[in-house]
Structure formats: structure tokens, C-alpha cells
Amino acid sequence: MKVKDERLEMIKMLISSKELGNQRDVMEELKKEGFKLTQATLSRDLKQLKVAKAATMSGKYIYVLPNETMYHRVHTTNSVREMLAMSGFYSINFSGNMGVIKTRPGYAGSIAYNIDNSGITEILGTIAGDDAVFFVMREGTQKEHIMHLLREIIPDM
């Protein structure tokens, strides 16, 4: 991953997990995570991510991402680096030739993308929401075989 891409992902995770109301706060959090950048670079990053400010229930203004369904505000004791390193996988369940993978909020899209681009011909396709991936298996495919194939692309499974 490029440094800029990693920094942009970190900014998204920070804004999703903390109530940050100004660029100074964001810069401090990025510094804690090992990123060094100028205020001008941060300003460009926020503009590229289309970050806006919104009022909380208490009337305080904080940064929010343009599509809150992709990055729900989460409260966790994990560091942002630890959250980025996780696959986001929670569980998998089957019914007939269909399956549903439950994920952390915002992770379903990337897991579905990885499945679709993995070359697993036994999975016909996926549909991703915010925290779930629906998939259809080719007829006659065993669930155990799918589980084995998915473990190759979902490390925490």
C-alpha cells in the first residue's frame, strides 16, 4: 500500500472511531500512529476524502465521512493500526447453496471484492452491504470446501 493510501485509510478510521473537531486533533492522532505530514497535506487529504463537519447530539462539531454507512462510528480499545490489520470477519452461515458472511461495519465490501477477485469458481457471485456479504455457491459445492477456500483469503476466519 502506498504511503498516501495508508494515510487516507488511517484518516478514515480515525474519523470513524474518534470525535475529532479540528485539523490539529487529526494531526495529533496521525502522529500517534506514526504519520508525519504538514497541515496543508492534511487539508488536501480531508478535501479528497470529502470530509465534512456535523453537529453531535451535544452540539459539538466533529469531522464525518461523506457516507456514514461505510464507516460507522465505533468505540473500541484497539489502536487504529490494529483495526486496519484485522480482516473484519465475524461469522459465516449457510442455507442451501447460499451463504452469508457477517463483518465489522464497513468491511463487507472489501471482503466481497477479495472473494470476487480470488478465482474461486465455486462461488458464482457476491453482494455486499455494510456489514454482511451474501454469496451464491455453484450447485453441488460442499460447504466445507467453500470454508477451506475462503480461509485462504480471509485470514481471521
Protein backbone atom coordinates (compact mmCIF):
# COMPACT_ATOMS: atom_id res chain seq x y z
CA MET A 1 0.00 0.00 0.00
CA LYS A 2 1.32 3.44 -0.85
CA VAL A 3 2.06 5.87 1.97
CA LYS A 4 -0.73 8.20 0.85
CA ASP A 5 -3.26 5.37 0.57
CA GLU A 6 -2.29 4.13 4.03
CA ARG A 7 -2.60 7.66 5.43
CA LEU A 8 -6.05 8.13 3.84
CA GLU A 9 -7.25 4.83 5.32
CA MET A 10 -5.88 5.89 8.70
CA ILE A 11 -7.71 9.23 8.47
CA LYS A 12 -10.97 7.41 7.67
CA MET A 13 -10.51 5.06 10.60
CA LEU A 14 -9.65 7.93 12.96
CA ILE A 15 -12.67 9.97 11.92
CA SER A 16 -14.85 6.87 12.25
CA SER A 17 -13.60 5.94 15.69
CA LYS A 18 -12.95 9.26 17.44
CA GLU A 19 -14.71 12.58 17.79
CA LEU A 20 -12.25 14.92 16.09
CA GLY A 21 -13.31 18.52 15.64
CA ASN A 22 -10.29 20.22 14.05
CA GLN A 23 -7.22 19.54 11.97
CA ARG A 24 -4.91 19.88 14.98
CA ASP A 25 -6.69 16.95 16.66
CA VAL A 26 -6.43 14.87 13.49
CA MET A 27 -2.71 15.73 13.15
CA GLU A 28 -2.08 14.66 16.77
CA GLU A 29 -3.84 11.32 16.24
CA LEU A 30 -1.94 10.71 12.99
CA LYS A 31 1.32 11.48 14.78
CA LYS A 32 0.45 8.86 17.45
CA GLU A 33 0.04 6.35 14.63
CA GLY A 34 3.45 7.24 13.14
CA PHE A 35 2.43 9.61 10.33
CA LYS A 36 4.28 12.87 9.77
CA LEU A 37 2.63 15.39 7.46
CA THR A 38 2.02 19.09 7.09
CA GLN A 39 -1.27 20.86 7.76
CA ALA A 40 -1.52 21.60 4.01
CA THR A 41 -1.24 17.89 3.19
CA LEU A 42 -3.87 17.03 5.78
CA SER A 43 -6.15 19.71 4.36
CA ARG A 44 -5.80 18.21 0.86
CA ASP A 45 -6.43 14.72 2.24
CA LEU A 46 -9.61 15.84 4.01
CA LYS A 47 -10.80 17.53 0.83
CA GLN A 48 -10.06 14.41 -1.24
CA LEU A 49 -12.00 12.27 1.25
CA LYS A 50 -14.87 14.79 1.15
CA VAL A 51 -14.79 15.06 4.94
CA ALA A 52 -17.40 17.42 6.39
CA LYS A 53 -18.33 18.68 9.84
CA ALA A 54 -21.55 17.71 11.54
CA ALA A 55 -23.08 18.51 14.90
CA THR A 56 -23.22 15.84 17.57
CA MET A 57 -26.17 15.46 19.94
CA SER A 58 -24.35 17.75 22.37
CA GLY A 59 -23.92 20.46 19.72
CA LYS A 60 -20.18 19.90 19.26
CA TYR A 61 -18.99 19.88 15.63
CA ILE A 62 -16.88 16.91 14.54
CA TYR A 63 -15.49 15.55 11.28
CA VAL A 64 -17.62 12.97 9.47
CA LEU A 65 -17.12 10.99 6.29
CA PRO A 66 -19.44 11.58 3.36
CA ASN A 67 -21.01 8.12 3.52
CA GLU A 68 -21.55 7.24 7.18
CA THR A 69 -22.91 3.82 6.14
CA MET A 70 -19.38 2.86 5.09
CA TYR A 71 -17.70 3.97 8.31
CA HIS A 72 -19.98 3.77 11.31
CA ARG A 73 -18.59 5.48 14.38
CA VAL A 74 -17.19 2.72 16.54
CA HIS A 75 -15.98 2.75 20.12
CA THR A 76 -13.10 0.37 20.64
CA THR A 77 -9.99 -0.02 22.73
CA ASN A 78 -7.97 -1.28 19.72
CA SER A 79 -5.47 1.07 18.13
CA VAL A 80 -6.25 2.20 14.60
CA ARG A 81 -3.29 0.17 13.27
CA GLU A 82 -4.73 -2.95 14.94
CA MET A 83 -8.15 -2.25 13.40
CA LEU A 84 -6.62 -1.85 9.93
CA ALA A 85 -4.75 -5.14 10.28
CA MET A 86 -7.95 -7.09 11.05
CA SER A 87 -9.97 -8.71 8.27
CA GLY A 88 -13.26 -7.62 9.84
CA PHE A 89 -14.69 -11.15 9.69
CA TYR A 90 -17.23 -12.18 12.36
CA SER A 91 -19.08 -15.27 11.16
CA ILE A 92 -20.32 -17.33 8.22
CA ASN A 93 -23.61 -19.22 7.84
CA PHE A 94 -25.08 -21.31 5.02
CA SER A 95 -28.54 -22.14 3.73
CA GLY A 96 -28.69 -24.44 0.72
CA ASN A 97 -26.34 -23.05 -1.91
CA MET A 98 -26.27 -19.58 -0.31
CA GLY A 99 -24.03 -18.13 2.36
CA VAL A 100 -23.82 -15.00 4.48
CA ILE A 101 -20.61 -13.62 5.96
CA LYS A 102 -21.06 -11.17 8.85
CA THR A 103 -18.35 -8.49 9.20
CA ARG A 104 -17.46 -5.41 11.18
CA PRO A 105 -19.19 -2.28 9.82
CA GLY A 106 -17.54 -1.10 6.61
CA TYR A 107 -15.64 -4.33 5.90
CA ALA A 108 -18.13 -6.27 3.77
CA GLY A 109 -17.22 -4.50 0.53
CA SER A 110 -13.55 -5.33 0.73
CA ILE A 111 -14.21 -8.96 1.67
CA ALA A 112 -16.67 -9.33 -1.22
CA TYR A 113 -14.13 -7.74 -3.57
CA ASN A 114 -11.47 -10.22 -2.43
CA ILE A 115 -13.85 -13.16 -2.95
CA ASP A 116 -14.90 -11.94 -6.41
CA ASN A 117 -11.27 -11.50 -7.49
CA SER A 118 -9.89 -14.68 -5.93
CA GLY A 119 -10.69 -17.05 -8.77
CA ILE A 120 -12.95 -19.23 -6.62
CA THR A 121 -15.17 -20.66 -9.36
CA GLU A 122 -17.39 -22.42 -6.81
CA ILE A 123 -18.79 -19.03 -5.76
CA LEU A 124 -20.95 -17.55 -8.51
CA GLY A 125 -21.01 -14.04 -7.07
CA THR A 126 -21.35 -11.80 -4.05
CA ILE A 127 -23.48 -8.90 -2.90
CA ALA A 128 -22.03 -6.71 -0.16
CA GLY A 129 -23.79 -4.45 2.28
CA ASP A 130 -22.12 -2.54 5.08
CA ASP A 131 -21.59 -5.44 7.46
CA ALA A 132 -22.65 -8.55 5.52
CA VAL A 133 -21.71 -10.38 2.33
CA PHE A 134 -24.27 -12.57 0.58
CA PHE A 135 -22.90 -15.17 -1.83
CA VAL A 136 -24.23 -17.98 -4.00
CA MET A 137 -22.36 -21.25 -4.42
CA ARG A 138 -22.36 -23.38 -7.54
CA GLU A 139 -24.78 -26.34 -7.15
CA GLY A 140 -23.20 -29.40 -5.60
CA THR A 141 -20.44 -27.47 -3.84
CA GLN A 142 -19.76 -28.64 -0.29
CA LYS A 143 -19.80 -26.04 2.50
CA GLU A 144 -16.58 -27.46 3.95
CA HIS A 145 -14.83 -26.92 0.60
CA ILE A 146 -16.02 -23.28 0.47
CA MET A 147 -14.82 -22.76 4.04
CA HIS A 148 -11.38 -24.10 3.08
CA LEU A 149 -11.19 -21.80 0.03
CA LEU A 150 -12.37 -18.74 1.97
CA ARG A 151 -9.79 -19.30 4.72
CA GLU A 152 -7.14 -18.61 2.06
CA ILE A 153 -8.46 -15.06 1.52
CA ILE A 154 -10.00 -14.24 4.92
CA PRO A 155 -7.17 -14.73 7.43
CA ASP A 156 -9.20 -14.45 10.66
CA MET A 157 -11.85 -16.93 9.53
